Structure formats: C-alpha cells, structure tokens
Protein backbone atom coordinates (compact mmCIF):
# COMPACT_ATOMS: atom_id res chain seq x y z
CA MET A 1 45.69 104.57 89.24
CA SER A 2 48.70 103.92 91.49
CA ASN A 3 51.23 106.58 92.45
CA ILE A 4 53.95 104.64 90.58
CA SER A 5 51.89 104.73 87.36
CA CYS A 6 51.35 108.49 87.73
CA VAL A 7 55.07 109.03 88.20
CA LYS A 8 55.85 106.97 85.09
CA ILE A 9 53.36 108.98 83.01
CA VAL A 10 54.84 112.26 84.24
CA MET A 11 58.37 111.06 83.46
CA VAL A 12 57.39 110.00 79.94
CA LEU A 13 55.64 113.33 79.27
CA PHE A 14 58.62 115.24 80.61
CA SER A 15 61.03 113.21 78.45
CA VAL A 16 58.94 113.78 75.31
CA SER A 17 58.61 117.50 76.06
CA LEU A 18 62.32 117.89 76.64
CA THR A 19 63.09 116.07 73.40
CA LEU A 20 60.74 118.37 71.47
CA VAL A 21 62.20 121.49 73.09
CA LEU A 22 65.77 120.51 72.36
CA GLY A 23 65.08 119.11 68.91
CA LEU A 24 62.60 121.64 67.53
CA TRP A 25 62.73 124.88 69.47
CA LEU A 26 66.35 125.15 70.65
CA PRO A 27 67.69 125.87 67.13
CA ASP A 28 64.98 128.52 66.67
CA ALA A 29 65.82 129.99 70.06
CA LEU A 30 69.51 130.19 69.15
CA ASN A 31 68.62 131.84 65.84
CA LEU A 32 66.42 134.36 67.68
CA VAL A 33 69.18 135.19 70.18
CA ALA A 34 71.68 135.49 67.35
CA GLY A 35 69.39 137.87 65.46
CA LEU A 36 68.69 140.06 68.49
CA CYS A 37 72.35 140.29 69.53
CA GLY A 38 73.82 140.49 66.07
CA PHE A 39 75.70 137.21 66.50
CA THR A 40 75.91 134.21 64.25
CA VAL A 41 74.54 130.90 65.54
CA THR A 42 78.09 129.63 66.04
CA GLN A 43 78.96 132.70 68.07
CA SER A 44 75.81 132.23 70.15
CA ILE A 45 76.79 128.64 70.97
CA VAL A 46 80.27 129.80 71.97
CA LEU A 47 78.71 132.52 74.14
CA VAL A 48 76.40 130.03 75.88
CA TYR A 49 79.35 127.73 76.54
CA PHE A 50 81.42 130.64 77.86
CA LEU A 51 78.64 131.59 80.27
CA PHE A 52 78.38 127.97 81.41
CA VAL A 53 82.11 127.82 82.16
CA LEU A 54 82.01 131.21 83.88
CA ILE A 55 79.03 130.38 86.11
CA CYS A 56 79.61 126.69 86.80
CA VAL A 57 83.39 126.44 86.78
CA ALA A 58 85.20 129.74 87.21
CA MET A 59 82.97 131.38 89.81
CA PRO A 60 83.40 130.28 93.44
CA GLY A 61 80.66 128.13 94.87
CA LEU A 62 77.89 129.62 96.95
CA PRO A 63 78.35 129.40 100.73
CA ARG A 64 76.93 126.12 102.03
CA GLY A 65 77.68 126.47 105.72
CA SER A 66 80.09 124.50 107.87
CA VAL A 67 79.59 122.05 110.70
CA LYS A 68 81.05 122.68 114.15
CA VAL A 69 84.42 120.98 114.47
CA GLU A 70 84.55 120.81 118.25
CA GLY A 71 84.26 117.27 119.58
CA LYS A 72 84.26 115.65 116.15
CA ALA A 73 86.62 112.84 115.15
CA VAL A 74 87.85 111.71 111.73
CA PHE A 75 89.52 108.46 110.67
CA ILE A 76 91.88 108.67 107.66
CA THR A 77 93.60 105.75 105.94
CA GLY A 78 96.94 105.96 104.16
CA CYS A 79 98.52 108.69 106.30
CA ASP A 80 102.13 107.62 105.76
CA SER A 81 102.58 110.22 103.02
CA GLY A 82 100.87 112.17 100.25
CA PHE A 83 97.24 113.23 100.56
CA GLY A 84 96.63 111.28 103.77
CA PHE A 85 99.54 112.78 105.68
CA ALA A 86 98.73 116.34 104.56
CA LEU A 87 95.02 115.85 105.38
CA ALA A 88 95.75 114.50 108.86
CA MET A 89 97.89 117.54 109.64
CA HIS A 90 95.30 119.94 108.21
CA LEU A 91 92.22 118.51 109.94
CA HIS A 92 94.12 118.37 113.24
CA ALA A 93 94.98 122.05 112.82
CA LEU A 94 91.27 122.78 112.31
CA GLY A 95 90.44 121.19 115.66
CA PHE A 96 89.35 117.67 114.71
CA THR A 97 90.44 114.61 116.62
CA VAL A 98 92.31 112.66 113.95
CA PHE A 99 92.84 108.91 113.85
CA ALA A 100 95.63 108.52 111.29
CA GLY A 101 95.90 105.03 109.82
CA CYS A 102 99.49 104.26 108.84
CA LEU A 103 100.72 101.12 107.09
CA LEU A 104 104.31 101.50 108.31
CA LYS A 105 103.68 102.35 111.97
CA GLU A 106 105.54 99.30 113.24
CA LYS A 107 108.48 100.12 110.95
CA GLU A 108 108.51 103.75 112.11
CA GLY A 109 107.71 105.28 108.76
CA THR A 110 108.49 108.95 108.20
CA GLY A 111 104.86 110.02 108.14
CA MET A 112 104.11 108.18 111.36
CA ARG A 113 107.05 109.81 113.16
CA GLU A 114 106.00 113.30 112.12
CA LEU A 115 102.38 112.74 113.13
CA GLU A 116 103.34 111.32 116.51
CA SER A 117 105.82 114.14 117.10
CA ILE A 118 102.85 116.52 117.38
CA LYS A 119 102.30 115.11 120.91
CA SER A 120 98.60 115.94 120.87
CA ASN A 121 95.73 114.05 122.46
CA ARG A 122 93.75 114.84 119.28
CA MET A 123 96.24 112.99 117.02
CA LYS A 124 96.12 109.21 117.28
CA VAL A 125 98.35 107.17 114.96
CA VAL A 126 96.86 103.74 114.27
CA GLN A 127 98.57 100.75 112.66
CA LEU A 128 96.46 99.87 109.62
CA ASN A 129 96.89 97.64 106.61
CA VAL A 130 93.55 97.99 104.80
CA CYS A 131 94.02 94.49 103.36
CA SER A 132 94.03 92.92 106.82
CA GLU A 133 90.72 92.05 108.46
CA GLU A 134 92.51 91.79 111.81
CA GLU A 135 94.15 95.22 111.62
CA VAL A 136 90.91 96.87 110.49
CA ALA A 137 89.08 95.28 113.44
CA GLU A 138 91.81 96.48 115.82
CA ALA A 139 91.55 99.98 114.36
CA VAL A 140 87.81 100.04 115.11
CA LYS A 141 88.51 98.96 118.70
CA CYS A 142 91.12 101.72 119.03
CA VAL A 143 88.68 104.36 117.78
CA ARG A 144 85.90 103.17 120.07
CA LYS A 145 88.31 103.27 123.00
CA HIS A 146 89.38 106.86 122.38
CA LEU A 147 86.09 108.41 121.25
CA GLN A 148 84.64 110.82 123.77
CA ASP A 149 81.21 109.30 123.27
CA THR A 150 80.67 106.19 121.15
CA GLU A 151 76.94 106.94 121.08
CA THR A 152 77.57 110.08 119.02
CA GLY A 153 79.83 108.06 116.76
CA LEU A 154 82.63 108.94 114.37
CA TRP A 155 82.01 112.04 112.29
CA ALA A 156 83.96 111.15 109.14
CA LEU A 157 85.85 108.35 107.43
CA VAL A 158 88.28 109.24 104.64
CA ASN A 159 89.32 106.23 102.56
CA ASN A 160 92.59 107.49 101.13
CA ALA A 161 94.91 104.44 101.17
CA GLY A 162 95.78 103.37 97.65
CA VAL A 163 98.45 102.10 95.30
CA SER A 164 99.18 102.85 91.67
CA ILE A 165 100.68 100.65 88.98
CA PHE A 166 101.23 100.77 85.24
CA GLY A 167 101.48 98.14 82.53
CA GLU A 168 99.61 97.12 79.42
CA VAL A 169 97.06 94.34 79.80
CA GLU A 170 99.16 91.58 78.22
CA PHE A 171 102.17 92.45 80.37
CA THR A 172 100.20 92.63 83.63
CA SER A 173 99.64 89.48 85.67
CA LEU A 174 96.32 88.58 87.25
CA GLU A 175 98.10 88.68 90.62
CA THR A 176 98.90 92.36 90.04
CA TYR A 177 95.24 93.10 89.26
CA LYS A 178 94.25 91.37 92.50
CA GLN A 179 96.88 93.20 94.59
CA VAL A 180 95.85 96.63 93.33
CA ALA A 181 92.14 95.89 93.78
CA ASP A 182 92.74 94.52 97.28
CA VAL A 183 94.09 97.88 98.42
CA ASN A 184 92.15 100.39 96.32
CA LEU A 185 88.74 98.70 96.12
CA TRP A 186 88.40 95.92 98.69
CA GLY A 187 90.37 97.96 101.22
CA THR A 188 87.91 100.83 100.81
CA ILE A 189 84.94 98.48 101.17
CA ARG A 190 86.52 96.60 104.10
CA VAL A 191 87.25 99.74 106.11
CA THR A 192 83.90 101.37 105.28
CA LYS A 193 81.88 98.37 106.41
CA ALA A 194 83.84 98.20 109.65
CA PHE A 195 83.34 101.88 110.56
CA LEU A 196 79.86 102.42 109.12
CA PRO A 197 77.93 101.79 112.38
CA LEU A 198 79.91 104.60 114.05
CA ILE A 199 79.42 106.89 111.04
CA ARG A 200 75.66 106.22 111.02
CA ARG A 201 75.32 107.16 114.67
CA ALA A 202 76.98 110.49 113.98
CA LYS A 203 74.98 111.03 110.76
CA GLY A 204 78.44 111.79 109.45
CA ARG A 205 80.48 111.54 106.27
CA VAL A 206 82.20 108.94 104.14
CA VAL A 207 84.76 110.43 101.74
CA ASN A 208 86.32 108.05 99.23
CA ILE A 209 89.40 109.01 97.24
CA ALA A 210 88.88 107.70 93.72
CA SER A 211 90.59 109.28 90.71
CA MET A 212 89.89 110.89 87.38
CA PHE A 213 90.75 107.38 86.13
CA GLY A 214 87.67 106.15 87.96
CA ARG A 215 85.60 108.08 85.41
CA MET A 216 87.72 107.72 82.28
CA SER A 217 90.25 105.06 81.36
CA ASN A 218 93.78 105.27 80.02
CA SER A 219 96.15 102.84 78.37
CA SER A 220 98.72 101.11 80.59
CA ARG A 221 96.63 101.83 83.69
CA SER A 222 94.00 99.09 83.57
CA PRO A 223 94.59 97.61 87.08
CA TYR A 224 94.35 101.09 88.60
CA CYS A 225 91.34 102.09 86.48
CA VAL A 226 89.46 98.89 87.28
CA SER A 227 89.92 99.45 91.02
CA LYS A 228 88.95 103.14 90.91
CA TYR A 229 85.88 102.51 88.74
CA GLY A 230 84.89 100.06 91.47
CA VAL A 231 85.35 102.74 94.14
CA GLU A 232 83.06 105.04 92.16
CA ALA A 233 80.34 102.40 91.88
CA PHE A 234 80.63 101.40 95.53
CA SER A 235 80.42 105.04 96.62
CA ASP A 236 77.31 105.68 94.52
CA CYS A 237 75.54 102.61 95.94
CA LEU A 238 76.56 103.59 99.47
CA ARG A 239 75.27 107.14 98.95
CA TYR A 240 71.84 105.84 97.94
CA GLU A 241 71.66 103.52 100.95
CA MET A 242 72.97 106.01 103.52
CA HIS A 243 70.62 108.84 102.55
CA ARG A 244 67.90 107.60 104.90
CA TRP A 245 70.42 107.64 107.75
CA GLY A 246 71.53 111.21 107.13
CA VAL A 247 75.03 110.10 106.11
CA LYS A 248 76.57 111.97 103.19
CA VAL A 249 78.97 110.18 100.84
CA SER A 250 81.40 112.12 98.64
CA ILE A 251 83.92 111.07 96.01
CA ILE A 252 87.20 112.89 95.39
CA GLU A 253 88.57 112.46 91.85
CA PRO A 254 92.11 113.90 91.81
CA GLY A 255 93.89 114.57 88.54
CA ASN A 256 97.62 114.22 87.98
CA PHE A 257 99.55 114.78 91.23
CA ILE A 258 102.57 112.61 90.46
CA ALA A 259 105.03 115.43 91.14
CA ALA A 260 103.35 116.35 94.42
CA THR A 261 103.03 112.85 95.86
CA GLY A 262 106.06 111.08 94.39
CA ILE A 263 103.82 108.12 93.61
CA LEU A 264 105.80 107.45 90.42
CA THR A 265 109.60 107.80 90.37
CA HIS A 266 112.31 106.67 87.93
CA ASP A 267 113.26 103.86 90.32
CA ILE A 268 109.65 102.68 90.58
CA VAL A 269 109.28 102.75 86.78
CA MET A 270 112.45 100.72 86.21
CA GLU A 271 111.62 98.22 88.94
CA THR A 272 108.08 97.76 87.65
CA ALA A 273 109.22 97.54 84.02
CA ASP A 274 111.74 94.82 84.87
CA LYS A 275 109.02 92.84 86.65
CA LEU A 276 106.55 93.28 83.77
CA TRP A 277 109.03 92.03 81.16
CA LYS A 278 110.16 89.03 83.20
CA GLU A 279 106.61 87.93 83.99
CA ALA A 280 105.24 88.42 80.45
CA PRO A 281 104.55 85.20 78.50
CA GLN A 282 107.11 84.42 75.84
CA ILE A 283 104.60 84.93 73.02
CA VAL A 284 103.89 88.46 74.31
CA GLN A 285 107.60 89.26 74.47
CA GLU A 286 108.07 88.01 70.91
CA ASP A 287 105.04 89.79 69.42
CA TYR A 288 105.63 93.17 71.08
CA GLY A 289 109.42 93.09 71.02
CA ARG A 290 111.88 94.58 73.48
CA ALA A 291 112.31 97.76 71.42
CA TYR A 292 108.59 98.60 71.73
CA PHE A 293 108.63 97.81 75.43
CA ASP A 294 111.66 100.03 76.10
CA ARG A 295 110.12 102.94 74.16
CA HIS A 296 106.98 102.57 76.24
CA VAL A 297 108.99 102.61 79.47
CA SER A 298 110.82 105.76 78.33
CA VAL A 299 107.48 107.52 77.84
CA LEU A 300 106.37 106.50 81.31
CA LYS A 301 109.63 107.79 82.82
CA SER A 302 108.87 111.19 81.31
CA TYR A 303 105.73 111.37 83.45
CA CYS A 304 107.63 111.12 86.75
CA ASN A 305 107.79 114.88 87.32
CA SER A 306 104.46 115.71 85.71
CA GLY A 307 101.28 117.11 87.20
CA LEU A 308 100.51 119.58 89.95
CA ARG A 309 103.17 120.04 92.63
CA ASP A 310 100.91 121.13 95.47
CA VAL A 311 98.27 118.92 97.10
CA ALA A 312 96.48 121.92 98.64
CA VAL A 313 93.59 121.82 96.15
CA VAL A 314 92.91 118.15 97.02
CA ILE A 315 93.08 118.85 100.77
CA LYS A 316 90.68 121.78 100.29
CA ASP A 317 88.11 119.58 98.54
CA ILE A 318 88.36 116.75 101.08
CA THR A 319 87.99 119.28 103.88
CA ASP A 320 84.87 120.68 102.22
CA ALA A 321 83.41 117.18 101.94
CA VAL A 322 84.05 116.65 105.67
CA THR A 323 82.96 120.05 106.98
CA SER A 324 80.35 121.49 104.60
CA CYS A 325 76.70 121.27 105.61
CA TYR A 326 75.91 120.40 102.00
CA PRO A 327 78.94 118.63 100.50
CA TYR A 328 79.12 117.86 96.80
CA THR A 329 78.73 114.32 95.50
CA ARG A 330 81.90 114.58 93.42
CA TYR A 331 84.95 116.83 93.56
CA ASN A 332 87.42 117.23 90.67
CA PRO A 333 90.70 118.68 91.98
CA MET A 334 92.79 118.83 88.81
CA ASP A 335 94.31 121.26 86.33
CA ALA A 336 92.37 122.66 83.37
CA TYR A 337 93.72 120.17 80.82
CA TRP A 338 92.55 117.12 82.75
CA TRP A 339 89.24 118.73 83.71
CA ILE A 340 88.40 119.44 80.07
CA ARG A 341 89.54 115.97 79.04
CA LEU A 342 87.37 114.41 81.76
CA GLN A 343 84.29 116.30 80.54
CA ILE A 344 84.93 115.30 76.92
CA MET A 345 85.65 111.65 77.71
CA THR A 346 82.55 111.30 79.88
CA HIS A 347 80.06 113.32 77.84
CA LEU A 348 80.92 113.00 74.15
CA PRO A 349 80.37 109.82 72.12
CA ALA A 350 83.27 107.41 72.56
CA ALA A 351 84.15 107.54 68.86
CA ILE A 352 84.80 111.30 69.10
CA ALA A 353 86.53 111.23 72.49
CA ASP A 354 88.80 108.35 71.45
CA ARG A 355 89.77 110.17 68.26
CA LEU A 356 90.68 113.29 70.23
CA TYR A 357 92.73 111.69 73.01
CA ILE A 358 93.54 108.05 72.31
CA TYR A 359 94.15 107.31 68.64
C-alpha cells in the first residue's frame, strides 16, 4: 500500500472520528460540565466562548523571537502617505535600510519630501508606479545597486500601494474595475515577481496589505473587494510555493482606518459620485433615480471621519510580520466591531451572516 493511500485512510478515519465526537459526545460533555459546575448548557457554551476569546484574542501572544535588524533591507510600496509612510519611518527608526517606493517622487509629494529630509544613508526614496513595468524594473536595479550584498538578498518586501473606490455594480464602469485591480492586485503581483529572487536569497519575508474586505464583501465596494480577494488568493498560493525556500508570506487585513489615512474625504466622495452618475447608462439612471443615488452618496459622506484614527496597530502588525522569527499568516488590525463581524461573515452560514449585517 502506497504512502498516499495510508494518508488518505488516516484522514478519512480522523474525519469520521471528529464527526462522531462533535455530533454524539460533545452535547453529553457539555451536559456533564454543566452538571458538575451547576451551570445550564447555555451558560456552559457562553463560558467556553468566553474562554476562547480570553485565550485567543484578549491575551497577548506568546513570545516568538525577533530577527536581527542590522544589515537588513526592506522595500515598501506606497510610501507617499498613510500606512506606507508611517511604516517607512518606523522601520528606519528600528535600524532597517528602507527603500521607500513613492508614486509622486518626481512631483515632490509631501511624503517623499519628509522621507528624504531624514538625510540618512539607510533611507532611499525610489520613484515607483506599481502599474509600470519600467518603473518596477528600475526600482529593482536601484535596490541591487544599494544593497550591501546582493548575494544575501533583500530581507522583506511590503506591498502596501493601493487605491480605494466606491460605487454600486451598475454605476461602476469596467474601466474602473480594471484601474483598481491594476494597482491593488496586478501591482502587488508585478512587484512581488520582480523582487522575489532577492527575497528568496535572503530567505526573507513578503508582506501583502490586503483588507478585511479581502475576506468579506460589502455593498458599493465591489471593485475594491475583487482586488483584495485576489491579493488574498495570490498570497496564499505564494506562501505554499515559498515554504521550500524558507520565505514567509504574511497578509495584513486592516479594518476601517478612513479617519487615520484620509483615504475617503468629502471632496473625493463628491468627485467620485459625479463621475459615477455621468458614466451610468441611461436605463440605470432611470431605474434607480437621482433621489436614491443622492441618498446613497449622503450615507457614504457620513463615513469620511469613521474608523480608527491611529495607524499604530497596523504598523505594529506589519513590523511583527517583518521581524518575528515565526510571523503569523494573517493579521487583523481592526476594532472590536469589525473583528466580530469578520468572524461571523467568514464562519457562519451566509444566510445567517447576511441577515445580521446586510439585509
């Protein structure tokens, strides 16, 4: 009998055993615990859930060790503002050599000016449009040129560059879907493929910034959700393939940080809404009506100052993914509401989750 057949038999036996345990003996076990402790079965379930939250969520993680920072270099995309800018500053302060990819370098963007003002030989600002094959190739050349030793490679790549957009499916053009995916998904793939040989040599890290909307969807966010679901799938496939090389791949799934990053402002909402209405087919305008559309835009405007106002929790998780000896596969920097919603939307049957949060 082949090893594969033995494994299949073991897996089947394990599956059957687990089904029997959960289906037949778990209720009896809960009844036994309830009787011994003087609880009802419902109270026992609540207690088990409370212990799960306490142990797995509330308690700090066990120490997993940290790699030595000295001599290590990190490339970060999207450093003009937001997470990327804050991360570049933080990792530089820790002692990393940071290659900060900025879209607006040639236009002297604010983020670029602040990063260059550090005047450090460990802070290199690199012109980078993740949608441009030429600029990505030039970025790789720049990194190779400034690395202390190309044989030891690049320790970490953080794919942070991204764009966000809103709009219901019938109001959103195919061109918009393509533009968002070109940055969020194809940009991540493009940059990763270009830098992967250097990452492999270092047995380093790839950290991809996805989103909670890469695990659960939301109305009016389909272009963004599609691109971030793609980032999740790409990251999982890459993790499987890179395991044999000693490269660790992590995914960061931030919650709502609109207030902290300024990614959605009243001006952006009004500009986008005007574009959506003008580009919508006439039949869509007639069927939905302007009154519905304006109400929808008003709701979106109310989100402009929502969410967490400090990106520190995101920077902490990315830093852990870069520096921990045993980084997690996924990180969920978000407030309690979105964390609970994410667990419900990804674990409960869709009919129940939809009833709770969508309909």
